[in-house]
Protein backbone atom coordinates (compact mmCIF):
# COMPACT_ATOMS: atom_id res chain seq x y z
CA MET A 1 35.64 -13.71 -9.89
CA THR A 2 33.53 -11.02 -7.73
CA ARG A 3 30.66 -12.26 -5.88
CA LEU A 4 27.67 -9.84 -5.79
CA LEU A 5 25.14 -10.54 -2.78
CA LEU A 6 21.85 -8.64 -2.96
CA ALA A 7 19.83 -8.35 0.38
CA ARG A 8 16.43 -6.75 0.57
CA HIS A 9 16.18 -4.54 3.84
CA GLY A 10 14.53 -5.69 7.16
CA GLU A 11 11.06 -6.14 7.49
CA THR A 12 8.88 -2.72 8.16
CA VAL A 13 5.81 -1.79 9.91
CA TRP A 14 4.24 -1.57 6.34
CA HIS A 15 5.24 -5.06 5.54
CA ALA A 16 2.20 -7.07 6.90
CA GLU A 17 -0.27 -4.70 4.67
CA ASN A 18 2.12 -4.97 1.47
CA ARG A 19 1.82 -1.37 1.27
CA TYR A 20 3.72 0.33 -1.62
CA THR A 21 6.86 1.63 0.03
CA GLY A 22 8.99 3.61 -2.75
CA SER A 23 11.71 6.14 -2.51
CA ARG A 24 9.36 8.50 -0.68
CA SER A 25 8.36 6.63 2.21
CA GLU A 26 10.52 5.94 5.23
CA PRO A 27 8.85 3.30 7.80
CA ASP A 28 10.40 2.14 10.57
CA LEU A 29 11.51 -1.40 11.09
CA THR A 30 9.73 -3.81 13.06
CA GLU A 31 11.59 -5.70 15.97
CA ARG A 32 11.47 -8.68 13.56
CA GLY A 33 13.35 -6.24 11.19
CA LEU A 34 16.11 -5.46 13.58
CA ALA A 35 16.55 -8.98 14.48
CA GLN A 36 16.91 -9.87 10.81
CA ALA A 37 19.70 -7.23 10.37
CA ASP A 38 21.51 -8.68 13.09
CA GLN A 39 21.27 -12.15 11.30
CA LEU A 40 22.32 -10.32 8.15
CA ALA A 41 25.43 -9.00 10.13
CA LYS A 42 26.40 -12.63 11.07
CA THR A 43 26.00 -13.95 7.50
CA ALA A 44 28.19 -11.19 6.15
CA VAL A 45 30.76 -12.25 8.43
CA ALA A 46 30.47 -15.75 7.79
CA LEU A 47 30.48 -15.25 4.17
CA GLY A 48 33.57 -13.22 4.21
CA VAL A 49 31.95 -9.82 2.96
CA ALA A 50 34.52 -7.09 1.77
CA VAL A 51 32.60 -4.40 0.83
CA LEU A 52 29.33 -2.98 2.20
CA VAL A 53 27.02 -0.91 0.10
CA CYS A 54 23.51 0.27 0.53
CA SER A 55 20.54 2.62 -0.26
CA PRO A 56 20.29 5.95 1.29
CA GLN A 57 16.91 5.14 2.63
CA ARG A 58 16.79 4.79 6.61
CA ARG A 59 15.47 1.03 6.25
CA ALA A 60 18.37 -0.10 4.35
CA VAL A 61 20.82 1.88 6.26
CA ILE A 62 19.53 0.36 9.51
CA THR A 63 19.49 -2.94 7.96
CA ALA A 64 23.09 -2.81 6.73
CA THR A 65 24.64 -0.88 9.92
CA PRO A 66 25.40 -3.85 12.06
CA ALA A 67 27.13 -5.84 9.18
CA ALA A 68 29.18 -2.75 8.94
CA GLU A 69 30.23 -2.74 12.36
CA ALA A 70 30.62 -6.46 12.64
CA LEU A 71 32.85 -6.51 9.62
CA GLY A 72 34.94 -3.51 10.65
CA VAL A 73 34.47 -1.69 7.02
CA PRO A 74 32.83 1.65 5.84
CA LEU A 75 29.18 1.41 4.71
CA HIS A 76 29.01 3.14 1.23
CA ILE A 77 25.75 4.71 0.27
CA LYS A 78 24.74 5.22 -3.14
CA PRO A 79 21.66 7.58 -3.93
CA ASP A 80 20.93 5.13 -7.14
CA LEU A 81 19.88 2.31 -4.81
CA ARG A 82 17.04 4.13 -3.50
CA GLU A 83 13.65 2.32 -4.28
CA VAL A 84 11.49 3.01 -7.07
CA ASP A 85 9.23 5.94 -6.99
CA PHE A 86 5.85 4.75 -7.15
CA GLY A 87 3.83 7.77 -7.78
CA ASP A 88 0.32 7.99 -6.62
CA LEU A 89 0.61 4.41 -5.64
CA GLU A 90 3.36 5.51 -2.93
CA GLY A 91 2.45 4.57 0.53
CA ARG A 92 -0.83 2.97 -0.36
CA LEU A 93 -2.51 -0.35 -0.94
CA LEU A 94 -3.22 -1.71 -4.39
CA GLY A 95 -6.57 -2.34 -3.32
CA GLU A 96 -7.27 1.28 -2.34
CA MET A 97 -6.71 2.22 -5.94
CA ASP A 98 -9.09 2.46 -8.68
CA PRO A 99 -9.94 -0.91 -9.30
CA GLU A 100 -9.76 -0.67 -13.43
CA ALA A 101 -6.31 1.11 -13.01
CA ALA A 102 -4.96 -1.35 -10.56
CA GLN A 103 -5.92 -4.37 -12.90
CA ARG A 104 -4.07 -2.66 -15.70
CA PHE A 105 -1.12 -2.30 -13.32
CA ARG A 106 -1.08 -5.97 -12.50
CA GLU A 107 -1.21 -6.81 -16.22
CA ASP A 108 1.64 -4.36 -17.05
CA PRO A 109 3.30 -2.60 -14.63
CA GLU A 110 5.59 -0.84 -16.93
CA ALA A 111 2.95 0.38 -19.28
CA ASN A 112 0.47 1.07 -16.94
CA ALA A 113 2.34 2.84 -13.92
CA PHE A 114 0.27 5.36 -11.55
CA PRO A 115 0.84 8.67 -12.48
CA GLY A 116 4.05 10.16 -11.04
CA ALA A 117 5.89 6.82 -10.95
CA GLU A 118 9.70 6.33 -12.21
CA PRO A 119 9.72 4.30 -15.25
CA LEU A 120 10.74 0.55 -14.11
CA ALA A 121 13.34 0.42 -16.60
CA ALA A 122 15.12 3.75 -15.58
CA ALA A 123 15.11 2.40 -12.10
CA GLY A 124 16.84 -0.86 -13.21
CA ALA A 125 18.85 0.67 -15.33
CA ARG A 126 20.36 2.92 -12.43
CA CYS A 127 20.76 -0.04 -10.08
CA ALA A 128 22.52 -1.86 -12.61
CA ALA A 129 24.97 0.76 -13.29
CA VAL A 130 25.74 0.71 -9.73
CA LEU A 131 26.32 -3.02 -9.57
CA ARG A 132 28.74 -2.98 -12.78
CA ALA A 133 30.50 -0.17 -11.31
CA LEU A 134 31.06 -2.11 -7.97
CA ASP A 135 32.01 -5.50 -10.05
CA GLU A 136 34.72 -3.55 -11.84
CA GLU A 137 36.11 -1.77 -8.78
CA HIS A 138 36.53 -4.68 -6.47
CA ARG A 139 37.46 -7.80 -8.58
CA ASP A 140 37.38 -11.13 -7.01
CA GLY A 141 35.86 -9.73 -3.73
CA THR A 142 32.33 -10.51 -2.02
CA ILE A 143 30.10 -7.47 -1.90
CA LEU A 144 26.99 -7.15 -0.39
CA VAL A 145 24.40 -4.87 -1.44
CA VAL A 146 21.37 -3.73 0.59
CA ALA A 147 18.57 -2.40 -1.01
CA HIS A 148 14.82 -2.69 -1.75
CA SER A 149 12.55 -5.36 -3.40
CA THR A 150 11.13 -3.74 -6.54
CA LEU A 151 14.26 -2.19 -7.27
CA PHE A 152 16.02 -5.57 -7.05
CA ARG A 153 13.53 -7.56 -8.89
CA VAL A 154 13.36 -4.86 -12.00
CA THR A 155 17.32 -4.86 -11.93
CA LEU A 156 17.55 -8.59 -12.20
CA CYS A 157 15.35 -8.47 -15.38
CA VAL A 158 17.47 -5.70 -16.68
CA LEU A 159 20.59 -7.75 -16.14
CA LEU A 160 19.32 -11.17 -17.20
CA GLY A 161 17.62 -9.78 -20.36
CA LEU A 162 14.07 -10.18 -18.99
CA PRO A 163 11.07 -7.72 -19.92
CA VAL A 164 11.07 -5.51 -17.13
CA ARG A 165 7.09 -5.62 -17.38
CA HIS A 166 7.17 -9.28 -16.21
CA TYR A 167 8.86 -8.43 -12.99
CA ARG A 168 6.24 -9.20 -10.77
CA ASN A 169 5.59 -12.48 -12.29
CA VAL A 170 9.16 -13.72 -12.74
CA PHE A 171 10.36 -12.86 -9.34
CA PRO A 172 7.11 -12.60 -7.46
CA ALA A 173 9.04 -11.66 -4.17
CA LEU A 174 12.30 -11.21 -2.25
CA ASP A 175 12.11 -11.83 1.29
CA ASN A 176 13.57 -9.62 3.86
CA VAL A 177 17.39 -9.91 4.13
CA ALA A 178 17.34 -13.35 2.17
CA LEU A 179 20.43 -13.48 -0.32
CA THR A 180 20.39 -13.19 -4.18
CA GLU A 181 23.66 -13.67 -5.86
CA ILE A 182 24.44 -12.97 -9.25
CA ARG A 183 27.77 -12.77 -11.39
CA LEU A 184 28.35 -10.13 -14.08
CA PRO A 185 30.10 -10.82 -17.30
CA ALA A 186 32.87 -8.78 -18.69
CA ASP A 187 30.81 -8.05 -21.60
CA PRO A 188 28.13 -5.57 -20.44
CA SER A 189 25.94 -6.85 -23.31
CA LEU A 190 25.50 -10.29 -22.22
CA PRO A 191 23.18 -11.46 -19.34
CA ALA A 192 24.14 -12.04 -16.04
CA ALA A 193 24.48 -15.38 -14.35
CA LEU A 194 21.69 -15.67 -11.25
CA ILE A 195 23.70 -18.20 -8.92
CA SER A 196 21.02 -18.12 -6.36
CA LEU A 197 17.68 -16.58 -5.69
CA ASN A 198 16.01 -15.40 -2.10
CA ARG A 199 18.21 -17.90 -0.23
CA ALA A 200 17.50 -17.98 3.59
CA HIS A 201 20.28 -17.60 6.00
């Protein structure tokens, strides 16, 4: 059975502020983020990762590169693993937005997304499609996927059959480089199995 391991990229310079870092933003990793990338590489070797895939965004590529080098495998970049586009919220703090709009977003980020934002369900669907394709292509292997917090959280909702609008409550946070493991059923109409969530290493 295929093991799908999901890891958020390393800490960026916007992390402490909790600034919305979507598909249009490319903040650098902090020194801690670079150290996290090195730790992820060690974990990938220990877990016998055979396939390494990541988002095209720089923070994900930099996080995944040490693992690729340590494993001696190519780093496969998938455009559909990019982070969600947050529209007018991109690069900003939620507290910087109109208070009423921010409250509506908190209550239902799917129905009350900021102008120009990518629909959450669409983002979850594109990532889920990548994961299903990887699962089919690499049967019985261990796959590490390095991408983004919001993308993974909405994708987990899609794969587990949960309402995407509740992603902020059901999955409040994914820590940098922590591992989440899922298994996908042969029948795509069935929900995925969540083996572990946000596991430190």
